[in-house]
Amino acid sequence: MSLVEITHHDEVIYRILDKPPPEPPKTPRYESKLEKELKATKIPQRRRTFGYAETPMKPPEQFLKKGEGIGQPTKKSDHKCIMGNLPAVPKCPPPEKAKEKPKVNIKVRNIKAVLKAKPRPVEPRLVDTRDGHIKKIKGSGEVPEYCLRPDFGQMPKYLVKRNRKIQRRLEKIRLNEENKESLCKLINEQERQKLLDDLKQNWQLMQKAFLQLPMLTDTIPKIIRKTKMEQELRQLEKDIALVESNPYIYIYE
């Protein structure tokens, strides 16, 4: 086993590792060119907020005298008292005589009030037990009350009022129906003849189209079309017969 003596320790672990890249230099801070000129031209206003550096002292001749200290502020006024002969103060007028109250004899007034007073009505009551239990007759059900009322068995007022409103409404509807113009209108002979001619012309056109149908109806659409045209022809024939048989025709608008 061999030993190696190290006398110079120049190797450091921090030098072996890769060093991080150096940081880029910072850009210089922006400084205004006019700032120095403004500071040079500006006149500093000293003692603006902090007051005097040393409080100025008054000379000994101006010592504090009586009445010159800090006291209550006095309100100054421009009022001046007028001195001289002033007019005399007017005297108060004599008090008016109080109106004499009419003399009232209280005894006579009380006697008249007692004579005119009506006695308090006695409420009807009944005793239903031997111990003297008293019960009021009104509302007890012992005596008939509701059947003796003047409005017993009569129709209430609100129903009478409602029935009157209904009757007035029905009367108004009846008058409107009587005065209403008839919706039925009689057509004249010219309009009737024109209607008949139009029906016959439609029948001729439909008959012509019906005769042009193929003789062989072997498909469902042909059968449906032929059946529909036959129904329309029958309806036109009925309408023509109805107009010819009725000289007076009414229409509803």
C-alpha atoms as a PDB file:
ATOM      1  CA  MET A   1       0.000   0.000   0.000  1.00  0.00           C
ATOM      2  CA  SER A   2       1.428   3.310  -1.069  1.00  0.00           C
ATOM      3  CA  LEU A   3       0.739   6.738   0.389  1.00  0.00           C
ATOM      4  CA  VAL A   4       0.736   9.965  -1.593  1.00  0.00           C
ATOM      5  CA  GLU A   5       1.525  13.113   0.254  1.00  0.00           C
ATOM      6  CA  ILE A   6      -0.305  16.207  -1.068  1.00  0.00           C
ATOM      7  CA  THR A   7       1.390  19.393  -0.078  1.00  0.00           C
ATOM      8  CA  HIS A   8      -0.293  21.930  -2.436  1.00  0.00           C
ATOM      9  CA  HIS A   9      -4.077  22.095  -2.275  1.00  0.00           C
ATOM     10  CA  ASP A  10      -4.857  24.270  -5.307  1.00  0.00           C
ATOM     11  CA  GLU A  11      -7.808  22.246  -6.534  1.00  0.00           C
ATOM     12  CA  VAL A  12     -11.292  23.515  -5.488  1.00  0.00           C
ATOM     13  CA  ILE A  13     -14.560  21.759  -6.277  1.00  0.00           C
ATOM     14  CA  TYR A  14     -16.256  25.020  -7.265  1.00  0.00           C
ATOM     15  CA  ARG A  15     -13.694  25.551 -10.000  1.00  0.00           C
ATOM     16  CA  ILE A  16     -14.281  22.142 -11.476  1.00  0.00           C
ATOM     17  CA  LEU A  17     -18.014  22.721 -12.084  1.00  0.00           C
ATOM     18  CA  ASP A  18     -19.148  24.795 -15.025  1.00  0.00           C
ATOM     19  CA  LYS A  19     -19.702  28.390 -14.117  1.00  0.00           C
ATOM     20  CA  PRO A  20     -23.046  30.011 -15.051  1.00  0.00           C
ATOM     21  CA  PRO A  21     -22.923  32.524 -17.862  1.00  0.00           C
ATOM     22  CA  PRO A  22     -22.281  36.067 -16.683  1.00  0.00           C
ATOM     23  CA  GLU A  23     -25.289  38.359 -16.378  1.00  0.00           C
ATOM     24  CA  PRO A  24     -25.625  40.937 -19.131  1.00  0.00           C
ATOM     25  CA  PRO A  25     -24.779  44.483 -18.074  1.00  0.00           C
ATOM     26  CA  LYS A  26     -27.736  46.607 -17.059  1.00  0.00           C
ATOM     27  CA  THR A  27     -28.746  49.463 -19.247  1.00  0.00           C
ATOM     28  CA  PRO A  28     -28.156  52.864 -17.676  1.00  0.00           C
ATOM     29  CA  ARG A  29     -31.192  54.456 -16.042  1.00  0.00           C
ATOM     30  CA  TYR A  30     -32.961  57.123 -18.028  1.00  0.00           C
ATOM     31  CA  GLU A  31     -32.244  60.619 -16.833  1.00  0.00           C
ATOM     32  CA  SER A  32     -33.888  63.656 -18.280  1.00  0.00           C
ATOM     33  CA  LYS A  33     -31.572  66.257 -19.712  1.00  0.00           C
ATOM     34  CA  LEU A  34     -33.851  69.077 -18.624  1.00  0.00           C
ATOM     35  CA  GLU A  35     -33.936  67.999 -14.983  1.00  0.00           C
ATOM     36  CA  LYS A  36     -30.528  69.481 -14.165  1.00  0.00           C
ATOM     37  CA  GLU A  37     -31.388  72.705 -15.976  1.00  0.00           C
ATOM     38  CA  LEU A  38     -34.672  73.021 -14.071  1.00  0.00           C
ATOM     39  CA  LYS A  39     -32.954  72.414 -10.757  1.00  0.00           C
ATOM     40  CA  ALA A  40     -30.357  75.050 -11.609  1.00  0.00           C
ATOM     41  CA  THR A  41     -32.944  77.670 -12.640  1.00  0.00           C
ATOM     42  CA  LYS A  42     -35.429  76.940  -9.823  1.00  0.00           C
ATOM     43  CA  ILE A  43     -35.111  79.258  -6.811  1.00  0.00           C
ATOM     44  CA  PRO A  44     -35.533  77.215  -3.633  1.00  0.00           C
ATOM     45  CA  GLN A  45     -38.149  78.547  -1.190  1.00  0.00           C
ATOM     46  CA  ARG A  46     -36.594  78.006   2.172  1.00  0.00           C
ATOM     47  CA  ARG A  47     -38.440  77.746   5.486  1.00  0.00           C
ATOM     48  CA  ARG A  48     -41.712  77.179   3.746  1.00  0.00           C
ATOM     49  CA  THR A  49     -43.153  74.532   6.055  1.00  0.00           C
ATOM     50  CA  PHE A  50     -40.742  74.149   8.964  1.00  0.00           C
ATOM     51  CA  GLY A  51     -40.780  77.771  10.109  1.00  0.00           C
ATOM     52  CA  TYR A  52     -37.795  79.748  11.242  1.00  0.00           C
ATOM     53  CA  ALA A  53     -34.577  78.019  12.056  1.00  0.00           C
ATOM     54  CA  GLU A  54     -34.378  80.165  15.193  1.00  0.00           C
ATOM     55  CA  THR A  55     -37.387  81.896  16.751  1.00  0.00           C
ATOM     56  CA  PRO A  56     -36.845  85.673  16.642  1.00  0.00           C
ATOM     57  CA  MET A  57     -36.943  87.216  20.088  1.00  0.00           C
ATOM     58  CA  LYS A  58     -38.564  90.536  20.919  1.00  0.00           C
ATOM     59  CA  PRO A  59     -36.406  93.252  22.436  1.00  0.00           C
ATOM     60  CA  PRO A  60     -36.626  93.768  26.205  1.00  0.00           C
ATOM     61  CA  GLU A  61     -38.597  97.008  25.756  1.00  0.00           C
ATOM     62  CA  GLN A  62     -41.555  95.051  24.339  1.00  0.00           C
ATOM     63  CA  PHE A  63     -42.269  92.979  27.417  1.00  0.00           C
ATOM     64  CA  LEU A  64     -45.700  91.434  28.018  1.00  0.00           C
ATOM     65  CA  LYS A  65     -47.969  93.935  29.676  1.00  0.00           C
ATOM     66  CA  LYS A  66     -51.309  93.623  31.431  1.00  0.00           C
ATOM     67  CA  GLY A  67     -54.165  92.807  29.088  1.00  0.00           C
ATOM     68  CA  GLU A  68     -51.908  91.806  26.203  1.00  0.00           C
ATOM     69  CA  GLY A  69     -51.894  88.103  26.943  1.00  0.00           C
ATOM     70  CA  ILE A  70     -53.912  85.438  25.167  1.00  0.00           C
ATOM     71  CA  GLY A  71     -57.526  85.777  26.324  1.00  0.00           C
ATOM     72  CA  GLN A  72     -61.071  85.402  25.086  1.00  0.00           C
ATOM     73  CA  PRO A  73     -61.547  86.934  21.634  1.00  0.00           C
ATOM     74  CA  THR A  74     -63.779  89.983  21.701  1.00  0.00           C
ATOM     75  CA  LYS A  75     -66.312  90.541  18.960  1.00  0.00           C
ATOM     76  CA  LYS A  76     -65.879  93.917  17.393  1.00  0.00           C
ATOM     77  CA  SER A  77     -68.974  95.852  16.416  1.00  0.00           C
ATOM     78  CA  ASP A  78     -69.598  99.155  14.689  1.00  0.00           C
ATOM     79  CA  HIS A  79     -72.528  99.979  16.954  1.00  0.00           C
ATOM     80  CA  LYS A  80     -72.373 103.316  18.715  1.00  0.00           C
ATOM     81  CA  CYS A  81     -74.637 104.305  21.566  1.00  0.00           C
ATOM     82  CA  ILE A  82     -76.562 107.509  20.939  1.00  0.00           C
ATOM     83  CA  MET A  83     -76.250 109.753  23.926  1.00  0.00           C
ATOM     84  CA  GLY A  84     -78.593 112.630  24.637  1.00  0.00           C
ATOM     85  CA  ASN A  85     -82.299 113.268  25.265  1.00  0.00           C
ATOM     86  CA  LEU A  86     -84.211 110.227  24.057  1.00  0.00           C
ATOM     87  CA  PRO A  87     -88.009 110.046  23.721  1.00  0.00           C
ATOM     88  CA  ALA A  88     -89.856 108.621  26.681  1.00  0.00           C
ATOM     89  CA  VAL A  89     -90.905 105.001  26.625  1.00  0.00           C
ATOM     90  CA  PRO A  90     -94.621 104.743  25.721  1.00  0.00           C
ATOM     91  CA  LYS A  91     -96.860 103.534  28.502  1.00  0.00           C
ATOM     92  CA  CYS A  92     -98.807 100.311  28.206  1.00  0.00           C
ATOM     93  CA  PRO A  93    -102.480 100.769  27.328  1.00  0.00           C
ATOM     94  CA  PRO A  94    -104.933 100.071  30.127  1.00  0.00           C
ATOM     95  CA  PRO A  95    -106.186  96.479  30.161  1.00  0.00           C
ATOM     96  CA  GLU A  96    -109.581  95.848  28.624  1.00  0.00           C
ATOM     97  CA  LYS A  97    -112.416  94.937  30.887  1.00  0.00           C
ATOM     98  CA  ALA A  98    -113.127  91.234  30.852  1.00  0.00           C
ATOM     99  CA  LYS A  99    -116.532  90.230  29.573  1.00  0.00           C
ATOM    100  CA  GLU A 100    -118.900  89.329  32.302  1.00  0.00           C
ATOM    101  CA  LYS A 101    -119.857  85.691  32.242  1.00  0.00           C
ATOM    102  CA  PRO A 102    -123.569  84.976  32.495  1.00  0.00           C
ATOM    103  CA  LYS A 103    -124.512  83.797  35.910  1.00  0.00           C
ATOM    104  CA  VAL A 104    -125.766  80.225  35.859  1.00  0.00           C
ATOM    105  CA  ASN A 105    -127.594  78.574  38.684  1.00  0.00           C
ATOM    106  CA  ILE A 106    -125.896  75.191  38.825  1.00  0.00           C
ATOM    107  CA  LYS A 107    -128.569  73.661  41.045  1.00  0.00           C
ATOM    108  CA  VAL A 108    -131.394  74.536  38.657  1.00  0.00           C
ATOM    109  CA  ARG A 109    -129.360  73.275  35.682  1.00  0.00           C
ATOM    110  CA  ASN A 110    -128.703  69.946  37.374  1.00  0.00           C
ATOM    111  CA  ILE A 111    -132.375  69.557  38.317  1.00  0.00           C
ATOM    112  CA  LYS A 112    -133.449  70.113  34.701  1.00  0.00           C
ATOM    113  CA  ALA A 113    -130.837  67.655  33.435  1.00  0.00           C
ATOM    114  CA  VAL A 114    -132.062  64.992  35.852  1.00  0.00           C
ATOM    115  CA  LEU A 115    -135.701  65.541  34.858  1.00  0.00           C
ATOM    116  CA  LYS A 116    -134.896  65.227  31.142  1.00  0.00           C
ATOM    117  CA  ALA A 117    -132.603  62.222  31.547  1.00  0.00           C
ATOM    118  CA  LYS A 118    -133.939  58.882  30.333  1.00  0.00           C
ATOM    119  CA  PRO A 119    -133.531  55.785  32.445  1.00  0.00           C
ATOM    120  CA  ARG A 120    -131.045  53.183  31.308  1.00  0.00           C
ATOM    121  CA  PRO A 121    -132.841  50.336  29.535  1.00  0.00           C
ATOM    122  CA  VAL A 122    -132.890  47.125  31.484  1.00  0.00           C
ATOM    123  CA  GLU A 123    -131.354  44.251  29.577  1.00  0.00           C
ATOM    124  CA  PRO A 124    -133.667  41.221  29.621  1.00  0.00           C
ATOM    125  CA  ARG A 125    -132.179  38.315  31.512  1.00  0.00           C
ATOM    126  CA  LEU A 126    -133.296  34.990  32.869  1.00  0.00           C
ATOM    127  CA  VAL A 127    -132.311  32.753  35.758  1.00  0.00           C
ATOM    128  CA  ASP A 128    -131.947  29.130  34.723  1.00  0.00           C
ATOM    129  CA  THR A 129    -130.580  27.538  37.916  1.00  0.00           C
ATOM    130  CA  ARG A 130    -131.622  27.467  41.544  1.00  0.00           C
ATOM    131  CA  ASP A 131    -128.317  29.097  42.496  1.00  0.00           C
ATOM    132  CA  GLY A 132    -129.323  32.264  40.669  1.00  0.00           C
ATOM    133  CA  HIS A 133    -127.202  31.875  37.547  1.00  0.00           C
ATOM    134  CA  ILE A 134    -128.138  34.771  35.272  1.00  0.00           C
ATOM    135  CA  LYS A 135    -128.034  34.480  31.486  1.00  0.00           C
ATOM    136  CA  LYS A 136    -128.771  37.122  28.878  1.00  0.00           C
ATOM    137  CA  ILE A 137    -131.803  36.382  26.747  1.00  0.00           C
ATOM    138  CA  LYS A 138    -130.359  38.100  23.673  1.00  0.00           C
ATOM    139  CA  GLY A 139    -128.305  35.616  21.696  1.00  0.00           C
ATOM    140  CA  SER A 140    -129.170  32.672  23.938  1.00  0.00           C
ATOM    141  CA  GLY A 141    -131.650  31.075  21.511  1.00  0.00           C
ATOM    142  CA  GLU A 142    -134.492  31.033  24.035  1.00  0.00           C
ATOM    143  CA  VAL A 143    -136.448  33.734  22.195  1.00  0.00           C
ATOM    144  CA  PRO A 144    -136.865  33.870  18.385  1.00  0.00           C
ATOM    145  CA  GLU A 145    -134.917  36.791  16.936  1.00  0.00           C
ATOM    146  CA  TYR A 146    -133.994  36.261  13.290  1.00  0.00           C
ATOM    147  CA  CYS A 147    -137.469  35.202  12.184  1.00  0.00           C
ATOM    148  CA  LEU A 148    -138.895  38.461  13.577  1.00  0.00           C
ATOM    149  CA  ARG A 149    -136.507  40.699  11.668  1.00  0.00           C
ATOM    150  CA  PRO A 150    -138.101  42.913   8.969  1.00  0.00           C
ATOM    151  CA  ASP A 151    -135.786  41.541   6.239  1.00  0.00           C
ATOM    152  CA  PHE A 152    -136.293  37.885   7.179  1.00  0.00           C
ATOM    153  CA  GLY A 153    -137.034  35.681   4.155  1.00  0.00           C
ATOM    154  CA  GLN A 154    -136.324  38.443   1.640  1.00  0.00           C
ATOM    155  CA  MET A 155    -133.741  38.510  -1.101  1.00  0.00           C
ATOM    156  CA  PRO A 156    -130.517  40.315  -0.154  1.00  0.00           C
ATOM    157  CA  LYS A 157    -129.916  43.739  -1.631  1.00  0.00           C
ATOM    158  CA  TYR A 158    -126.807  42.713  -3.553  1.00  0.00           C
ATOM    159  CA  LEU A 159    -128.770  39.955  -5.336  1.00  0.00           C
ATOM    160  CA  VAL A 160    -131.560  42.391  -6.229  1.00  0.00           C
ATOM    161  CA  LYS A 161    -128.986  44.788  -7.647  1.00  0.00           C
ATOM    162  CA  ARG A 162    -127.317  41.998  -9.612  1.00  0.00           C
ATOM    163  CA  ASN A 163    -130.639  40.802 -11.070  1.00  0.00           C
ATOM    164  CA  ARG A 164    -131.440  44.342 -12.198  1.00  0.00           C
ATOM    165  CA  LYS A 165    -128.116  44.541 -14.018  1.00  0.00           C
ATOM    166  CA  ILE A 166    -128.796  41.208 -15.736  1.00  0.00           C
ATOM    167  CA  GLN A 167    -132.292  42.327 -16.786  1.00  0.00           C
ATOM    168  CA  ARG A 168    -130.954  45.580 -18.236  1.00  0.00           C
ATOM    169  CA  ARG A 169    -128.293  43.671 -20.150  1.00  0.00           C
ATOM    170  CA  LEU A 170    -130.847  41.204 -21.565  1.00  0.00           C
ATOM    171  CA  GLU A 171    -133.155  44.058 -22.551  1.00  0.00           C
ATOM    172  CA  LYS A 172    -130.305  45.772 -24.351  1.00  0.00           C
ATOM    173  CA  ILE A 173    -129.450  42.567 -26.237  1.00  0.00           C
ATOM    174  CA  ARG A 174    -133.113  42.097 -27.215  1.00  0.00           C
ATOM    175  CA  LEU A 175    -133.363  45.644 -28.571  1.00  0.00           C
ATOM    176  CA  ASN A 176    -130.164  45.177 -30.556  1.00  0.00           C
ATOM    177  CA  GLU A 177    -131.526  41.962 -32.052  1.00  0.00           C
ATOM    178  CA  GLU A 178    -134.800  43.652 -33.017  1.00  0.00           C
ATOM    179  CA  ASN A 179    -133.096  46.639 -34.618  1.00  0.00           C
ATOM    180  CA  LYS A 180    -130.476  44.520 -36.321  1.00  0.00           C
ATOM    181  CA  GLU A 181    -130.574  44.496 -40.095  1.00  0.00           C
ATOM    182  CA  SER A 182    -131.334  41.201 -41.766  1.00  0.00           C
ATOM    183  CA  LEU A 183    -128.324  39.308 -43.096  1.00  0.00           C
ATOM    184  CA  CYS A 184    -130.457  37.618 -45.709  1.00  0.00           C
ATOM    185  CA  LYS A 185    -130.453  39.289 -49.152  1.00  0.00           C
ATOM    186  CA  LEU A 186    -132.622  38.570 -52.207  1.00  0.00           C
ATOM    187  CA  ILE A 187    -130.733  38.443 -55.505  1.00  0.00           C
ATOM    188  CA  ASN A 188    -132.369  39.984 -58.551  1.00  0.00           C
ATOM    189  CA  GLU A 189    -133.160  38.252 -61.833  1.00  0.00           C
ATOM    190  CA  GLN A 190    -129.982  39.395 -63.585  1.00  0.00           C
ATOM    191  CA  GLU A 191    -127.725  38.012 -60.855  1.00  0.00           C
ATOM    192  CA  ARG A 192    -129.724  34.762 -60.838  1.00  0.00           C
ATOM    193  CA  GLN A 193    -129.379  34.375 -64.611  1.00  0.00           C
ATOM    194  CA  LYS A 194    -125.646  35.122 -64.456  1.00  0.00           C
ATOM    195  CA  LEU A 195    -125.200  32.520 -61.725  1.00  0.00           C
ATOM    196  CA  LEU A 196    -127.074  29.960 -63.814  1.00  0.00           C
ATOM    197  CA  ASP A 197    -124.975  30.701 -66.919  1.00  0.00           C
ATOM    198  CA  ASP A 198    -121.735  30.343 -64.940  1.00  0.00           C
ATOM    199  CA  LEU A 199    -122.844  26.999 -63.537  1.00  0.00           C
ATOM    200  CA  LYS A 200    -123.723  25.701 -67.016  1.00  0.00           C
ATOM    201  CA  GLN A 201    -120.396  26.885 -68.418  1.00  0.00           C
ATOM    202  CA  ASN A 202    -118.523  25.119 -65.607  1.00  0.00           C
ATOM    203  CA  TRP A 203    -120.540  21.968 -66.315  1.00  0.00           C
ATOM    204  CA  GLN A 204    -119.631  22.094 -70.005  1.00  0.00           C
ATOM    205  CA  LEU A 205    -115.920  22.493 -69.246  1.00  0.00           C
ATOM    206  CA  MET A 206    -116.034  19.665 -66.739  1.00  0.00           C
ATOM    207  CA  GLN A 207    -117.987  17.446 -69.177  1.00  0.00           C
ATOM    208  CA  LYS A 208    -115.432  18.119 -71.926  1.00  0.00           C
ATOM    209  CA  ALA A 209    -112.562  17.195 -69.601  1.00  0.00           C
ATOM    210  CA  PHE A 210    -114.441  14.075 -68.506  1.00  0.00           C
ATOM    211  CA  LEU A 211    -114.966  12.903 -72.096  1.00  0.00           C
ATOM    212  CA  GLN A 212    -111.258  13.332 -72.807  1.00  0.00           C
ATOM    213  CA  LEU A 213    -110.337  10.759 -70.170  1.00  0.00           C
ATOM    214  CA  PRO A 214    -108.926   7.450 -71.442  1.00  0.00           C
ATOM    215  CA  MET A 215    -111.375   4.586 -71.864  1.00  0.00           C
ATOM    216  CA  LEU A 216    -109.209   2.144 -69.968  1.00  0.00           C
ATOM    217  CA  THR A 217    -108.850   2.871 -66.253  1.00  0.00           C
ATOM    218  CA  ASP A 218    -106.305   0.291 -65.207  1.00  0.00           C
ATOM    219  CA  THR A 219    -104.412   2.333 -62.585  1.00  0.00           C
ATOM    220  CA  ILE A 220    -105.454   3.718 -59.229  1.00  0.00           C
ATOM    221  CA  PRO A 221    -104.739   7.410 -60.099  1.00  0.00           C
ATOM    222  CA  LYS A 222    -106.976   7.131 -63.178  1.00  0.00           C
ATOM    223  CA  ILE A 223    -109.775   5.619 -61.107  1.00  0.00           C
ATOM    224  CA  ILE A 224    -109.485   8.331 -58.440  1.00  0.00           C
ATOM    225  CA  ARG A 225    -109.476  11.138 -61.017  1.00  0.00           C
ATOM    226  CA  LYS A 226    -112.499   9.731 -62.856  1.00  0.00           C
ATOM    227  CA  THR A 227    -114.446   9.255 -59.612  1.00  0.00           C
ATOM    228  CA  LYS A 228    -113.672  12.810 -58.496  1.00  0.00           C
ATOM    229  CA  MET A 229    -114.811  14.318 -61.804  1.00  0.00           C
ATOM    230  CA  GLU A 230    -118.046  12.311 -61.688  1.00  0.00           C
ATOM    231  CA  GLN A 231    -118.809  13.675 -58.208  1.00  0.00           C
ATOM    232  CA  GLU A 232    -118.156  17.260 -59.358  1.00  0.00           C
ATOM    233  CA  LEU A 233    -120.441  16.796 -62.390  1.00  0.00           C
ATOM    234  CA  ARG A 234    -123.256  15.464 -60.192  1.00  0.00           C
ATOM    235  CA  GLN A 235    -122.873  18.419 -57.813  1.00  0.00           C
ATOM    236  CA  LEU A 236    -122.997  20.910 -60.699  1.00  0.00           C
ATOM    237  CA  GLU A 237    -126.139  19.251 -62.076  1.00  0.00           C
ATOM    238  CA  LYS A 238    -127.802  19.514 -58.651  1.00  0.00           C
ATOM    239  CA  ASP A 239    -126.875  23.205 -58.357  1.00  0.00           C
ATOM    240  CA  ILE A 240    -128.219  23.965 -61.853  1.00  0.00           C
ATOM    241  CA  ALA A 241    -131.494  22.189 -61.083  1.00  0.00           C
ATOM    242  CA  LEU A 242    -131.786  24.064 -57.768  1.00  0.00           C
ATOM    243  CA  VAL A 243    -131.294  27.492 -59.394  1.00  0.00           C
ATOM    244  CA  GLU A 244    -133.709  26.734 -62.263  1.00  0.00           C
ATOM    245  CA  SER A 245    -136.459  25.448 -59.966  1.00  0.00           C
ATOM    246  CA  ASN A 246    -136.312  28.389 -57.485  1.00  0.00           C
ATOM    247  CA  PRO A 247    -136.989  31.855 -58.943  1.00  0.00           C
ATOM    248  CA  TYR A 248    -136.384  33.552 -55.567  1.00  0.00           C
ATOM    249  CA  ILE A 249    -132.968  32.969 -54.053  1.00  0.00           C
ATOM    250  CA  TYR A 250    -131.696  34.487 -50.796  1.00  0.00           C
ATOM    251  CA  ILE A 251    -128.056  34.670 -49.819  1.00  0.00           C
ATOM    252  CA  TYR A 252    -126.441  35.327 -46.445  1.00  0.00           C
ATOM    253  CA  GLU A 253    -123.646  37.851 -46.285  1.00  0.00           C
END
